[in-house]
Amino acid sequence: MNLQAYDEEVEKSVLAAILREKTALSLCRPILSAQDFYSERAQTIFATCLRLQDEGIGIDFVTVGDALKKAQKLEFVGGRSGLAELAQEYVSLANLGHHCDIVRGCSKRRSLIKAAHNLYSQACEHPDPDSLISEFHGRMLQVLGAGSTDFVDMPEAVHKLLDVMDQRKNGKISNGIPTGLRSLDNRIAGWKKGQLILIAARPSMGKTSLACQAALSAAETGANVGVFSLEMGAEEIIQRFLALSHDHLTMKALTHATLTDQGWRDLVKVSEDLGTRAIKLCDVSTMTIEQIKSKTRLLKMRGQLDLLIIDYLQLLSLDERGTSRQESMARVSRELKLLAKELNIAVIALSQLNRKCEDRDDKRPHLADLRESGALEQDADLILMLYRDDYYKPESLYKGKAEVLIRKNRNGPTGEFMVEWVGQNSKFKDLPENIMRGASI
């Protein structure tokens, strides 16, 4: 199979977005350089846009045309009419991030082809193979884009950390995004940006409920939240938000619309309040990881994302051509971790557990019960698991209680604690500290 070393149509779509949308270049800039474009015309236009942005000048086909004319390069790119035609190629921002990845991927492929040709010709004549290997290694680092600005000096890193700690001490920035449970915040200090968080459990333990609670709590503090609901429709998710917001708005009453007169008044008030929250919902049931990344980047580019929730991982459409499902899920896991770091957002991914835990006498889940991929355990910064004893044992002494199990915490202790489970509202609530199981394990 011969893969393309360039795609001029994709290059045009990237440039069209930059000419039409003022925020597009800021998304492209961390991914692309002018040299990544195959077309010299595209290289010239992109480099001009970068220069204009550095000078604080807004970008559109008029300002770009003026800059190209001043540099005596306007005719080379097809004149103003050529720029106007290019701008007409624009469709939407939805796939811009993915298109940038394609351009960058083609650029790497061209560099590899060139390096391989050079290696072949030099290997036939070079007297010192070790020296040639070292030289080739350096070229590969250049292809990967490594080494130029990826390292941070220790004094700079220490100064930045101390500055962040000082701001936290003085209340200028928070420790993390509130989880919706005080007992959880006390242990992990909130959801952290740049981290991948996994909430895993068997069905009916409350994964979606905890995620909805996290979304609502974050939004109440002014955070911007994005939710990909692959299992439930938007109406079902909104219904859960409403039930979480008022004790009298039970799931049953909302589902069957059997509210009292006071209940209807409460519903109107809570709905109005919910309408002010910065929560974006996407309930498309068939999504790939590339689509997730593209839509997430778009939200972030518009300044509308601090916390991302995906419900749930096993429902993602996986590209399993030539790979096992485990390998495909491992790729998804890694991509989500990289996305959290790239966009500086907290990513909460919900995951099913395999059935092995239900075959044991003690059905509390462990890391080994993660379904389909050990990569989930490796990539996640924080792994929470849920267990409700009364789901399996109606006569349980812990009826109406749930256990939150912190099975992995990259930057803190693991442990477990108990919360109240309010089934009629699909809601978790803090218990008084004296009856919580809070010991670290």
Protein backbone atom coordinates (compact mmCIF):
# COMPACT_ATOMS: atom_id res chain seq x y z
CA MET A 1 0.00 0.00 0.00
CA ASN A 2 1.49 3.35 -1.08
CA LEU A 3 0.40 6.23 1.15
CA GLN A 4 0.35 9.79 -0.15
CA ALA A 5 3.30 12.01 0.68
CA TYR A 6 1.14 15.09 0.17
CA ASP A 7 -2.51 16.11 -0.07
CA GLU A 8 -2.99 19.50 -1.69
CA GLU A 9 -6.75 19.50 -1.11
CA VAL A 10 -6.25 19.16 2.63
CA GLU A 11 -3.58 21.88 2.52
CA LYS A 12 -6.08 24.16 0.79
CA SER A 13 -8.74 23.44 3.42
CA VAL A 14 -6.32 24.37 6.22
CA LEU A 15 -5.37 27.67 4.55
CA ALA A 16 -9.02 28.44 3.77
CA ALA A 17 -9.93 28.05 7.44
CA ILE A 18 -7.08 30.38 8.43
CA LEU A 19 -8.27 33.03 5.96
CA ARG A 20 -11.89 32.78 7.10
CA GLU A 21 -11.71 32.14 10.86
CA LYS A 22 -9.67 34.43 13.12
CA THR A 23 -9.00 31.65 15.67
CA ALA A 24 -7.90 28.99 13.18
CA LEU A 25 -4.21 29.89 13.00
CA SER A 26 -3.84 29.61 16.78
CA LEU A 27 -4.94 25.97 16.51
CA CYS A 28 -2.67 25.22 13.54
CA ARG A 29 0.43 26.94 14.87
CA PRO A 30 1.44 24.38 17.53
CA ILE A 31 1.11 21.59 14.95
CA LEU A 32 2.43 23.00 11.67
CA SER A 33 5.31 25.00 10.27
CA ALA A 34 5.41 26.52 6.78
CA GLN A 35 7.80 23.75 5.68
CA ASP A 36 5.18 21.10 6.47
CA PHE A 37 3.19 22.17 3.39
CA TYR A 38 4.06 20.47 0.10
CA SER A 39 2.97 23.31 -2.15
CA GLU A 40 5.39 26.26 -2.25
CA ARG A 41 2.36 28.49 -2.71
CA ALA A 42 0.88 27.12 0.51
CA GLN A 43 4.22 27.54 2.30
CA THR A 44 4.31 31.20 1.30
CA ILE A 45 0.74 31.91 2.41
CA PHE A 46 1.14 30.13 5.76
CA ALA A 47 4.46 31.87 6.53
CA THR A 48 2.84 35.22 5.74
CA CYS A 49 -0.05 34.47 8.10
CA LEU A 50 2.39 33.59 10.88
CA ARG A 51 4.24 36.86 10.39
CA LEU A 52 1.02 38.88 10.46
CA GLN A 53 -0.08 37.19 13.68
CA ASP A 54 3.31 37.94 15.27
CA GLU A 55 2.83 41.60 14.31
CA GLY A 56 -0.65 41.66 15.84
CA ILE A 57 -2.43 42.12 12.50
CA GLY A 58 -5.75 40.37 11.90
CA ILE A 59 -5.75 37.71 9.21
CA ASP A 60 -8.08 37.61 6.21
CA PHE A 61 -7.56 37.42 2.48
CA VAL A 62 -7.25 41.25 2.26
CA THR A 63 -4.51 41.67 4.88
CA VAL A 64 -2.69 38.58 3.63
CA GLY A 65 -2.93 39.92 0.08
CA ASP A 66 -1.48 43.27 1.15
CA ALA A 67 1.42 41.58 2.93
CA LEU A 68 2.16 39.35 -0.05
CA LYS A 69 2.05 42.33 -2.40
CA LYS A 70 4.49 44.23 -0.21
CA ALA A 71 6.81 41.20 -0.28
CA GLN A 72 6.36 40.96 -4.08
CA LYS A 73 4.90 37.47 -3.76
CA LEU A 74 1.24 38.14 -4.51
CA GLU A 75 1.38 37.02 -8.13
CA PHE A 76 3.30 33.89 -7.12
CA VAL A 77 0.30 32.69 -5.08
CA GLY A 78 -2.24 33.53 -7.80
CA GLY A 79 -3.04 37.14 -6.97
CA ARG A 80 -5.94 38.41 -4.90
CA SER A 81 -8.35 36.38 -6.98
CA GLY A 82 -6.38 33.26 -6.07
CA LEU A 83 -6.64 34.09 -2.37
CA ALA A 84 -10.37 34.75 -2.71
CA GLU A 85 -10.83 31.40 -4.46
CA LEU A 86 -8.82 29.71 -1.73
CA ALA A 87 -11.02 31.25 0.95
CA GLN A 88 -14.06 29.75 -0.78
CA GLU A 89 -12.66 26.26 -0.06
CA TYR A 90 -13.60 26.75 3.60
CA VAL A 91 -16.27 24.43 4.99
CA SER A 92 -16.05 24.44 8.80
CA LEU A 93 -13.64 24.33 11.72
CA ALA A 94 -14.87 20.91 12.81
CA ASN A 95 -12.08 18.94 11.11
CA LEU A 96 -9.30 21.54 11.17
CA GLY A 97 -7.26 19.75 13.84
CA HIS A 98 -7.50 16.47 11.94
CA HIS A 99 -6.50 18.20 8.69
CA CYS A 100 -3.47 19.73 10.41
CA ASP A 101 -2.48 16.24 11.57
CA ILE A 102 -2.74 14.99 7.97
CA VAL A 103 -0.51 17.80 6.65
CA ARG A 104 2.03 17.16 9.41
CA GLY A 105 1.90 13.41 8.80
CA CYS A 106 2.54 13.84 5.08
CA SER A 107 5.45 16.16 5.89
CA LYS A 108 7.02 13.53 8.13
CA ARG A 109 6.52 10.90 5.44
CA ARG A 110 8.33 13.07 2.86
CA SER A 111 11.18 13.65 5.31
CA LEU A 112 11.44 9.92 5.97
CA ILE A 113 11.51 9.13 2.24
CA LYS A 114 14.24 11.71 1.67
CA ALA A 115 16.26 10.48 4.65
CA ALA A 116 15.89 6.85 3.55
CA HIS A 117 17.12 7.67 0.03
CA ASN A 118 20.12 9.52 1.45
CA LEU A 119 20.87 6.68 3.87
CA TYR A 120 20.77 4.13 1.07
CA SER A 121 23.18 6.07 -1.14
CA GLN A 122 25.54 6.91 1.74
CA ALA A 123 25.49 3.38 3.18
CA CYS A 124 26.97 2.06 -0.05
CA GLU A 125 30.01 4.35 0.25
CA HIS A 126 30.38 5.57 3.85
CA PRO A 127 33.55 4.17 5.51
CA ASP A 128 32.23 4.43 9.09
CA PRO A 129 28.81 2.75 9.66
CA ASP A 130 28.63 3.88 13.31
CA SER A 131 29.10 7.50 12.31
CA LEU A 132 26.44 7.14 9.65
CA ILE A 133 24.01 5.59 12.15
CA SER A 134 24.56 8.49 14.53
CA GLU A 135 24.00 10.99 11.74
CA PHE A 136 20.83 9.20 10.66
CA HIS A 137 19.58 9.16 14.24
CA GLY A 138 19.94 12.95 14.33
CA ARG A 139 17.94 13.26 11.13
CA MET A 140 15.17 11.11 12.61
CA LEU A 141 14.98 13.41 15.63
CA GLN A 142 14.54 16.33 13.24
CA VAL A 143 11.73 14.45 11.48
CA LEU A 144 10.03 13.85 14.82
CA GLY A 145 10.36 17.52 15.66
CA ALA A 146 12.30 16.72 18.82
CA GLY A 147 14.86 18.80 20.60
CA SER A 148 14.23 22.39 19.54
CA THR A 149 11.93 23.81 22.21
CA ASP A 150 10.59 20.76 24.06
CA PHE A 151 12.96 21.03 27.05
CA VAL A 152 12.42 23.48 29.90
CA ASP A 153 15.33 24.81 31.95
CA MET A 154 15.22 23.80 35.63
CA PRO A 155 15.23 27.40 36.98
CA GLU A 156 12.30 28.25 34.72
CA ALA A 157 10.36 25.13 35.76
CA VAL A 158 10.96 25.73 39.48
CA HIS A 159 9.98 29.40 39.22
CA LYS A 160 6.78 28.46 37.40
CA LEU A 161 5.85 25.87 40.05
CA LEU A 162 6.48 28.29 42.93
CA ASP A 163 4.39 30.93 41.19
CA VAL A 164 1.48 28.49 40.79
CA MET A 165 1.74 27.44 44.44
CA ASP A 166 1.73 31.08 45.56
CA GLN A 167 -1.37 31.79 43.47
CA ARG A 168 -3.12 28.75 44.99
CA LYS A 169 -2.15 29.87 48.50
CA ASN A 170 -3.63 33.33 47.88
CA GLY A 171 -6.79 31.93 46.31
CA LYS A 172 -6.04 33.35 42.86
CA ILE A 173 -6.33 29.93 41.24
CA SER A 174 -7.98 26.75 42.50
CA ASN A 175 -6.26 23.45 43.22
CA GLY A 176 -8.47 21.70 40.71
CA ILE A 177 -11.94 21.52 39.21
CA PRO A 178 -14.46 20.55 41.95
CA THR A 179 -15.68 16.97 41.66
CA GLY A 180 -19.10 17.44 43.25
CA LEU A 181 -18.14 15.42 46.34
CA ARG A 182 -16.31 17.10 49.20
CA SER A 183 -14.99 13.73 50.37
CA LEU A 184 -13.38 13.17 46.96
CA ASP A 185 -12.01 16.71 46.70
CA ASN A 186 -10.33 16.24 50.10
CA ARG A 187 -8.43 13.27 48.72
CA ILE A 188 -7.50 14.33 45.18
CA ALA A 189 -7.90 18.15 45.34
CA GLY A 190 -10.25 18.19 42.35
CA TRP A 191 -9.88 17.16 38.72
CA LYS A 192 -6.52 18.33 37.37
CA LYS A 193 -6.02 19.83 33.92
CA GLY A 194 -3.68 17.82 31.73
CA GLN A 195 -4.81 14.58 33.35
CA LEU A 196 -6.75 11.56 32.11
CA ILE A 197 -9.21 10.35 34.75
CA LEU A 198 -10.92 6.97 34.49
CA ILE A 199 -14.23 6.18 36.23
CA ALA A 200 -14.77 2.44 35.94
CA ALA A 201 -17.46 0.10 37.26
CA ARG A 202 -19.86 -2.66 36.33
CA PRO A 203 -23.26 -1.58 34.91
CA SER A 204 -25.71 0.19 37.26
CA MET A 205 -23.05 1.22 39.78
CA GLY A 206 -23.43 4.94 38.96
CA LYS A 207 -20.66 5.82 36.48
CA THR A 208 -22.82 8.19 34.44
CA SER A 209 -24.34 9.65 37.60
CA LEU A 210 -20.92 10.52 39.01
CA ALA A 211 -19.85 11.98 35.66
CA CYS A 212 -22.99 14.13 35.44
CA GLN A 213 -22.43 15.26 39.00
CA ALA A 214 -18.86 16.22 38.07
CA ALA A 215 -20.06 18.16 35.01
CA LEU A 216 -22.69 20.07 36.96
CA SER A 217 -20.36 20.87 39.86
CA ALA A 218 -17.64 22.12 37.50
CA ALA A 219 -20.09 24.28 35.55
CA GLU A 220 -21.45 25.80 38.77
CA THR A 221 -17.96 27.17 39.48
CA GLY A 222 -17.70 28.73 36.02
CA ALA A 223 -15.79 25.96 34.27
CA ASN A 224 -16.60 25.06 30.66
CA VAL A 225 -17.61 21.43 30.23
CA GLY A 226 -17.96 19.21 27.17
CA VAL A 227 -19.82 15.90 27.32
CA PHE A 228 -19.74 13.15 24.70
CA SER A 229 -22.64 10.83 25.53
CA LEU A 230 -22.38 7.77 23.31
CA GLU A 231 -24.93 5.77 25.29
CA MET A 232 -27.68 8.21 26.29
CA GLY A 233 -29.42 10.94 24.33
CA ALA A 234 -29.16 14.59 25.32
CA GLU A 235 -32.66 14.53 26.85
CA GLU A 236 -31.68 11.71 29.22
CA ILE A 237 -28.54 13.55 30.29
CA ILE A 238 -30.48 16.78 30.89
CA GLN A 239 -32.99 14.79 32.94
CA ARG A 240 -30.15 13.57 35.14
CA PHE A 241 -28.87 17.13 35.56
CA LEU A 242 -32.34 18.21 36.69
CA ALA A 243 -32.64 15.34 39.17
CA LEU A 244 -29.20 16.19 40.56
CA SER A 245 -30.21 19.82 41.03
CA HIS A 246 -33.30 19.32 43.21
CA ASP A 247 -34.16 16.50 45.61
CA HIS A 248 -37.88 16.64 44.76
CA LEU A 249 -37.24 16.23 41.02
CA THR A 250 -36.86 12.46 41.06
CA MET A 251 -35.91 10.44 38.00
CA LYS A 252 -39.27 8.65 38.07
CA ALA A 253 -41.29 11.88 38.28
CA LEU A 254 -39.27 13.46 35.46
CA THR A 255 -39.52 10.36 33.25
CA HIS A 256 -43.30 10.05 33.63
CA ALA A 257 -43.98 13.81 34.03
CA THR A 258 -45.87 13.13 37.27
CA LEU A 259 -44.84 16.29 39.07
CA THR A 260 -46.94 18.15 41.62
CA ASP A 261 -47.79 21.81 41.05
CA GLN A 262 -44.83 22.73 43.27
CA GLY A 263 -42.72 20.23 41.35
CA TRP A 264 -43.49 21.98 38.07
CA ARG A 265 -42.52 25.32 39.62
CA ASP A 266 -39.29 23.78 40.89
CA LEU A 267 -38.64 22.34 37.43
CA VAL A 268 -38.99 25.75 35.77
CA LYS A 269 -36.62 27.37 38.27
CA VAL A 270 -34.01 24.62 38.05
CA SER A 271 -34.25 24.57 34.23
CA GLU A 272 -33.62 28.31 34.04
CA ASP A 273 -30.58 27.94 36.29
CA LEU A 274 -29.28 24.96 34.29
CA GLY A 275 -29.62 26.99 31.10
CA THR A 276 -26.93 29.37 32.36
CA ARG A 277 -24.34 26.63 32.78
CA ALA A 278 -21.53 26.30 30.23
CA ILE A 279 -22.09 22.65 29.35
CA LYS A 280 -21.90 21.43 25.75
CA LEU A 281 -23.50 18.07 24.91
CA CYS A 282 -22.84 15.78 21.95
CA ASP A 283 -25.02 12.65 21.84
CA VAL A 284 -23.88 11.20 18.51
CA SER A 285 -23.72 7.47 19.22
CA THR A 286 -21.09 6.51 16.63
CA MET A 287 -17.89 8.46 17.21
CA THR A 288 -14.25 7.67 16.47
CA ILE A 289 -11.33 8.93 18.52
CA GLU A 290 -10.38 11.23 15.63
CA GLN A 291 -13.84 12.80 15.68
CA ILE A 292 -13.63 13.20 19.45
CA LYS A 293 -10.26 14.95 19.10
CA SER A 294 -11.46 17.21 16.30
CA LYS A 295 -14.61 18.36 18.08
CA THR A 296 -12.74 18.80 21.36
CA ARG A 297 -10.06 20.95 19.75
CA LEU A 298 -12.79 23.09 18.22
CA LEU A 299 -14.39 23.68 21.64
CA LYS A 300 -11.03 24.55 23.15
CA MET A 301 -10.17 26.88 20.30
CA ARG A 302 -13.36 28.81 21.02
CA GLY A 303 -12.29 29.13 24.65
CA GLN A 304 -15.06 26.83 25.80
CA LEU A 305 -13.43 23.85 27.48
CA ASP A 306 -11.90 23.02 30.86
CA LEU A 307 -13.36 19.56 31.48
CA LEU A 308 -14.20 16.83 28.94
CA ILE A 309 -16.34 13.77 29.75
CA ILE A 310 -16.69 10.70 27.52
CA ASP A 311 -19.46 8.18 28.34
CA TYR A 312 -18.19 5.58 27.66
CA LEU A 313 -14.96 4.27 26.08
CA GLN A 314 -16.19 0.85 24.92
CA LEU A 315 -18.84 2.51 22.73
CA LEU A 316 -16.28 4.37 20.62
CA SER A 317 -16.05 3.20 17.01
CA LEU A 318 -12.63 1.59 16.71
CA ASP A 319 -10.50 1.14 13.62
CA GLU A 320 -9.48 -2.49 14.06
CA ARG A 321 -8.07 -3.06 10.58
CA GLY A 322 -4.94 -5.13 11.08
CA THR A 323 -5.07 -4.76 14.87
CA SER A 324 -6.85 -6.37 17.78
CA ARG A 325 -9.52 -4.57 19.77
CA GLN A 326 -7.07 -4.40 22.69
CA GLU A 327 -4.51 -2.61 20.50
CA SER A 328 -7.17 -0.23 19.19
CA MET A 329 -8.31 0.58 22.73
CA ALA A 330 -4.69 1.14 23.76
CA ARG A 331 -4.40 3.73 21.01
CA VAL A 332 -7.61 5.44 22.19
CA SER A 333 -6.25 5.54 25.73
CA ARG A 334 -2.99 7.12 24.62
CA GLU A 335 -4.72 9.65 22.35
CA LEU A 336 -6.95 10.82 25.21
CA LYS A 337 -3.98 11.30 27.51
CA LEU A 338 -2.16 13.29 24.83
CA LEU A 339 -5.30 15.34 24.18
CA ALA A 340 -5.55 16.27 27.87
CA LYS A 341 -1.96 17.51 27.82
CA GLU A 342 -2.19 19.24 24.45
CA LEU A 343 -5.30 21.26 25.34
CA ASN A 344 -4.60 21.56 29.09
CA ILE A 345 -7.98 20.13 30.05
CA ALA A 346 -9.13 17.43 32.43
CA VAL A 347 -10.48 14.40 30.55
CA ILE A 348 -12.84 12.02 32.37
CA ALA A 349 -13.44 8.77 30.51
CA LEU A 350 -15.98 6.22 31.72
CA SER A 351 -15.16 2.55 31.28
CA GLN A 352 -16.90 -0.76 31.73
CA LEU A 353 -15.27 -3.51 33.77
CA ASN A 354 -15.13 -7.13 32.72
CA ARG A 355 -17.34 -9.72 34.40
CA LYS A 356 -14.56 -11.37 36.40
CA CYS A 357 -15.27 -9.29 39.48
CA GLU A 358 -18.82 -10.65 39.66
CA ASP A 359 -17.49 -14.22 39.87
CA ARG A 360 -15.69 -13.46 43.14
CA ASP A 361 -17.13 -13.54 46.65
CA ASP A 362 -15.81 -10.01 47.17
CA LYS A 363 -17.10 -8.19 44.10
CA ARG A 364 -15.23 -4.95 44.73
CA PRO A 365 -13.39 -4.12 41.49
CA HIS A 366 -9.62 -3.95 41.07
CA LEU A 367 -7.32 -2.64 38.34
CA ALA A 368 -7.06 -6.13 36.85
CA ASP A 369 -10.78 -5.93 36.06
CA LEU A 370 -10.34 -3.11 33.54
CA ARG A 371 -11.87 -4.27 30.31
CA GLU A 372 -9.87 -4.82 27.12
CA SER A 373 -6.72 -2.86 27.79
CA GLY A 374 -3.97 -2.61 30.38
CA ALA A 375 -3.07 0.62 28.58
CA LEU A 376 -5.99 2.29 30.37
CA GLU A 377 -4.28 1.57 33.68
CA GLN A 378 -0.95 2.81 32.33
CA ASP A 379 -2.16 6.05 30.73
CA ALA A 380 -4.67 7.21 33.35
CA ASP A 381 -3.44 9.59 36.04
CA LEU A 382 -6.37 8.79 38.30
CA ILE A 383 -8.61 5.70 38.35
CA LEU A 384 -11.81 5.67 40.39
CA MET A 385 -13.96 2.56 40.72
CA LEU A 386 -17.47 2.32 42.14
CA TYR A 387 -19.09 -0.45 44.16
CA ARG A 388 -22.56 -0.75 45.72
CA ASP A 389 -22.92 -3.73 48.01
CA ASP A 390 -26.74 -3.58 48.14
CA TYR A 391 -26.89 -4.05 44.35
CA TYR A 392 -25.67 -7.62 44.87
CA LYS A 393 -26.99 -8.18 48.41
CA PRO A 394 -30.45 -6.71 49.10
CA GLU A 395 -29.96 -7.48 52.80
CA SER A 396 -26.62 -5.62 52.92
CA LEU A 397 -25.75 -3.58 56.00
CA TYR A 398 -24.62 -0.87 53.59
CA LYS A 399 -27.99 -0.30 51.95
CA GLY A 400 -28.14 3.08 50.23
CA LYS A 401 -24.35 3.41 50.36
CA ALA A 402 -21.67 3.29 47.69
CA GLU A 403 -17.91 2.89 47.87
CA VAL A 404 -15.58 5.09 45.85
CA LEU A 405 -12.33 3.20 45.35
CA ILE A 406 -9.27 5.26 44.38
CA ARG A 407 -7.34 2.47 42.68
CA LYS A 408 -4.66 4.67 41.10
CA ASN A 409 -3.53 8.19 41.91
CA ARG A 410 -0.35 9.24 40.15
CA ASN A 411 0.18 12.26 42.39
CA GLY A 412 -1.26 11.13 45.70
CA PRO A 413 -2.43 8.26 47.89
CA THR A 414 -4.90 5.60 46.91
CA GLY A 415 -7.73 4.64 49.23
CA GLU A 416 -11.45 4.15 49.56
CA PHE A 417 -14.36 5.91 51.19
CA MET A 418 -18.10 5.58 51.44
CA VAL A 419 -20.80 7.95 50.17
CA GLU A 420 -24.57 7.94 50.19
CA TRP A 421 -26.36 6.71 47.06
CA VAL A 422 -29.69 8.48 46.44
CA GLY A 423 -31.20 6.21 43.80
CA GLN A 424 -34.32 8.27 43.15
CA ASN A 425 -32.11 11.17 42.02
CA SER A 426 -29.21 9.08 40.64
CA LYS A 427 -26.98 11.05 42.96
CA PHE A 428 -24.03 10.54 45.29
CA LYS A 429 -23.88 12.55 48.53
CA ASP A 430 -21.21 13.02 51.15
CA LEU A 431 -21.59 11.18 54.45
CA PRO A 432 -20.51 12.56 57.83
CA GLU A 433 -16.78 11.93 58.27
CA ASN A 434 -17.28 9.72 61.33
CA ILE A 435 -19.03 6.98 59.32
CA MET A 436 -16.97 7.15 56.13
CA ARG A 437 -14.53 4.43 55.25
CA GLY A 438 -11.57 6.64 54.51
CA ALA A 439 -8.42 4.64 55.20
CA SER A 440 -5.74 4.52 52.52
CA ILE A 441 -4.87 1.14 51.09
